[in-house]
Amino acid sequence: MFPSLGKTDSVSEFMRLVDDIWVRWTNEADFVADIWFRGHADMIWLLIPSALRPPFSSVSEHRYRHDFKLRAQPFLNEATQLPKDDWDWYFLMQHYGVPTRLLDWTESALVGLYFAIQSAPGTDGCVWILNPRQINVSLAKIGSFIPIYSDDLVASYLPAALG
């Protein structure tokens, strides 16, 4: 179970908690801590990408990608650039709400807070907070480096296209 920072009743209290975490994580590491946020409108929701949650998990993500590509022309007309690789297709799919294996994170505490409180009246939302550099040091064993999608290190995170 992940530790909880408790319930906050104001934006200023939330931002104080975020600042306290940032200071603590920076003091514990040999680098300035990055913090990523993900808001959930219901605190019981797990960190699971939409493609792996019911009812979407009963369909192969290859099917979602294939169908999106077939019907993507209206979305491509609005895109600033055309998708060049599978990562670009997944980012575009995610932007339009198609189930993918991606989880959206933000570096903005207030954006995370917005998604935690923007819907689901009558439920308590939550903001997940993570230190990507520390995860890479402790779990991935790649040091404090944060790879981007074009780095070879993350090439295996997306499935190969079928056929």
Protein backbone atom coordinates (compact mmCIF):
# COMPACT_ATOMS: atom_id res chain seq x y z
CA MET A 1 0.00 0.00 0.00
CA PHE A 2 1.19 3.50 -0.76
CA PRO A 3 1.40 6.01 2.07
CA SER A 4 -1.24 8.69 2.11
CA LEU A 5 -0.51 12.31 2.80
CA GLY A 6 -4.00 12.74 4.14
CA LYS A 7 -6.91 14.83 3.09
CA THR A 8 -6.52 18.49 2.27
CA ASP A 9 -9.30 21.04 2.20
CA SER A 10 -7.63 23.85 0.31
CA VAL A 11 -5.38 24.48 -2.66
CA SER A 12 -2.86 26.27 -0.45
CA GLU A 13 -2.64 23.28 1.91
CA PHE A 14 -2.23 20.94 -1.08
CA MET A 15 0.57 23.10 -2.49
CA ARG A 16 2.29 23.17 0.91
CA LEU A 17 2.24 19.36 0.96
CA VAL A 18 3.66 19.26 -2.57
CA ASP A 19 6.42 21.68 -1.58
CA ASP A 20 7.23 19.61 1.53
CA ILE A 21 7.53 16.48 -0.62
CA TRP A 22 9.74 18.21 -3.16
CA VAL A 23 12.08 19.52 -0.44
CA ARG A 24 12.28 16.10 1.26
CA TRP A 25 12.88 14.21 -2.01
CA THR A 26 15.53 16.71 -3.10
CA ASN A 27 17.32 16.45 0.26
CA GLU A 28 17.26 12.63 0.10
CA ALA A 29 18.80 12.49 -3.39
CA ASP A 30 21.89 13.77 -5.11
CA PHE A 31 19.77 15.65 -7.65
CA VAL A 32 16.90 18.12 -7.67
CA ALA A 33 13.76 16.03 -7.47
CA ASP A 34 11.32 15.99 -10.33
CA ILE A 35 7.74 15.38 -9.31
CA TRP A 36 5.02 13.99 -11.56
CA PHE A 37 1.32 14.11 -10.72
CA ARG A 38 -1.75 12.16 -11.78
CA GLY A 39 -5.19 13.10 -10.52
CA HIS A 40 -7.95 10.52 -10.06
CA ALA A 41 -11.52 11.60 -9.43
CA ASP A 42 -12.03 8.53 -7.23
CA MET A 43 -9.33 7.56 -4.77
CA ILE A 44 -10.08 3.84 -5.12
CA TRP A 45 -8.99 3.82 -8.78
CA LEU A 46 -5.71 2.02 -9.36
CA LEU A 47 -2.86 3.12 -11.61
CA ILE A 48 -3.93 1.02 -14.58
CA PRO A 49 -3.94 2.23 -18.19
CA SER A 50 -7.34 2.33 -19.87
CA ALA A 51 -6.47 -0.47 -22.31
CA LEU A 52 -6.00 -2.80 -19.34
CA ARG A 53 -9.24 -1.84 -17.54
CA PRO A 54 -12.64 -3.40 -18.18
CA PRO A 55 -14.46 -3.17 -20.50
CA PHE A 56 -11.56 -2.19 -22.78
CA SER A 57 -9.27 -5.01 -21.64
CA SER A 58 -11.43 -7.60 -23.42
CA VAL A 59 -10.27 -6.19 -26.79
CA SER A 60 -6.69 -6.41 -28.05
CA GLU A 61 -4.94 -3.05 -28.05
CA HIS A 62 -3.84 -3.92 -31.60
CA ARG A 63 -7.50 -3.68 -32.58
CA TYR A 64 -7.80 -0.19 -31.06
CA ARG A 65 -4.66 0.96 -32.86
CA HIS A 66 -5.75 -0.58 -36.17
CA ASP A 67 -9.28 0.87 -35.99
CA PHE A 68 -7.99 4.29 -34.97
CA LYS A 69 -5.58 4.40 -37.90
CA LEU A 70 -8.41 3.47 -40.27
CA ARG A 71 -10.61 6.29 -38.96
CA ALA A 72 -7.93 8.86 -38.09
CA GLN A 73 -8.27 11.30 -41.02
CA PRO A 74 -10.43 13.85 -39.10
CA PHE A 75 -7.94 13.79 -36.22
CA LEU A 76 -4.95 14.11 -38.54
CA ASN A 77 -6.44 17.26 -40.06
CA GLU A 78 -6.19 18.87 -36.59
CA ALA A 79 -2.73 17.50 -35.73
CA THR A 80 0.25 19.84 -35.77
CA GLN A 81 2.26 17.11 -37.44
CA LEU A 82 1.45 13.70 -38.86
CA PRO A 83 2.36 10.62 -36.80
CA LYS A 84 5.78 9.29 -37.80
CA ASP A 85 5.97 6.17 -35.63
CA ASP A 86 3.95 4.03 -33.24
CA TRP A 87 4.69 6.37 -30.33
CA ASP A 88 3.13 9.27 -32.23
CA TRP A 89 0.07 7.13 -32.97
CA TYR A 90 -0.27 6.14 -29.30
CA PHE A 91 0.05 9.78 -28.17
CA LEU A 92 -2.63 10.81 -30.67
CA MET A 93 -4.89 7.94 -29.60
CA GLN A 94 -4.44 8.90 -25.94
CA HIS A 95 -5.26 12.53 -26.73
CA TYR A 96 -8.58 11.51 -28.28
CA GLY A 97 -9.55 9.11 -25.48
CA VAL A 98 -8.82 5.82 -27.23
CA PRO A 99 -7.79 3.11 -24.72
CA THR A 100 -3.99 2.74 -24.69
CA ARG A 101 -1.28 1.37 -22.46
CA LEU A 102 -0.22 4.93 -21.59
CA LEU A 103 -0.89 6.75 -18.32
CA ASP A 104 -0.94 10.54 -18.46
CA TRP A 105 1.27 12.30 -15.91
CA THR A 106 1.93 16.00 -15.53
CA GLU A 107 4.65 18.08 -13.93
CA SER A 108 1.98 20.49 -12.69
CA ALA A 109 0.55 19.85 -9.24
CA LEU A 110 -2.47 21.99 -10.10
CA VAL A 111 -3.26 20.01 -13.26
CA GLY A 112 -3.15 16.82 -11.17
CA LEU A 113 -5.43 18.46 -8.61
CA TYR A 114 -7.85 19.54 -11.36
CA PHE A 115 -8.30 15.95 -12.54
CA ALA A 116 -8.75 14.79 -8.94
CA ILE A 117 -11.66 17.18 -8.32
CA GLN A 118 -13.18 17.79 -11.77
CA SER A 119 -15.76 14.98 -11.76
CA ALA A 120 -17.34 12.16 -9.77
CA PRO A 121 -19.35 14.21 -7.24
CA GLY A 122 -19.67 12.57 -3.86
CA THR A 123 -16.33 10.76 -4.11
CA ASP A 124 -12.96 11.66 -2.72
CA GLY A 125 -10.38 12.19 -5.41
CA CYS A 126 -6.66 11.76 -5.03
CA VAL A 127 -3.44 12.93 -6.60
CA TRP A 128 -0.75 10.34 -7.21
CA ILE A 129 2.75 11.75 -6.86
CA LEU A 130 5.90 10.11 -8.12
CA ASN A 131 9.58 10.89 -8.43
CA PRO A 132 10.60 9.47 -11.83
CA ARG A 133 14.33 9.87 -11.20
CA GLN A 134 14.15 7.91 -7.96
CA ILE A 135 12.16 5.15 -9.65
CA ASN A 136 14.86 4.92 -12.31
CA VAL A 137 17.59 4.82 -9.66
CA SER A 138 15.89 2.28 -7.38
CA LEU A 139 13.88 0.07 -9.72
CA ALA A 140 15.08 0.47 -13.31
CA LYS A 141 18.75 0.74 -12.26
CA ILE A 142 19.49 3.31 -14.98
CA GLY A 143 20.55 6.12 -12.68
CA SER A 144 18.65 9.39 -12.48
CA PHE A 145 18.25 9.56 -16.26
CA ILE A 146 14.66 10.06 -17.50
CA PRO A 147 14.42 8.63 -21.01
CA ILE A 148 12.09 10.09 -23.60
CA TYR A 149 9.98 8.05 -25.97
CA SER A 150 12.57 8.13 -28.77
CA ASP A 151 15.34 6.61 -26.59
CA ASP A 152 16.27 3.01 -27.35
CA LEU A 153 15.78 2.23 -23.65
CA VAL A 154 11.99 2.48 -23.99
CA ALA A 155 11.59 0.96 -27.46
CA SER A 156 10.22 -2.29 -26.01
CA TYR A 157 7.38 -0.57 -24.13
CA LEU A 158 5.14 -0.50 -27.19
CA PRO A 159 4.05 -3.70 -28.90
CA ALA A 160 5.12 -4.32 -32.46
CA ALA A 161 2.43 -3.79 -35.07
CA LEU A 162 0.74 -6.97 -36.23
CA GLY A 163 1.21 -8.13 -39.78
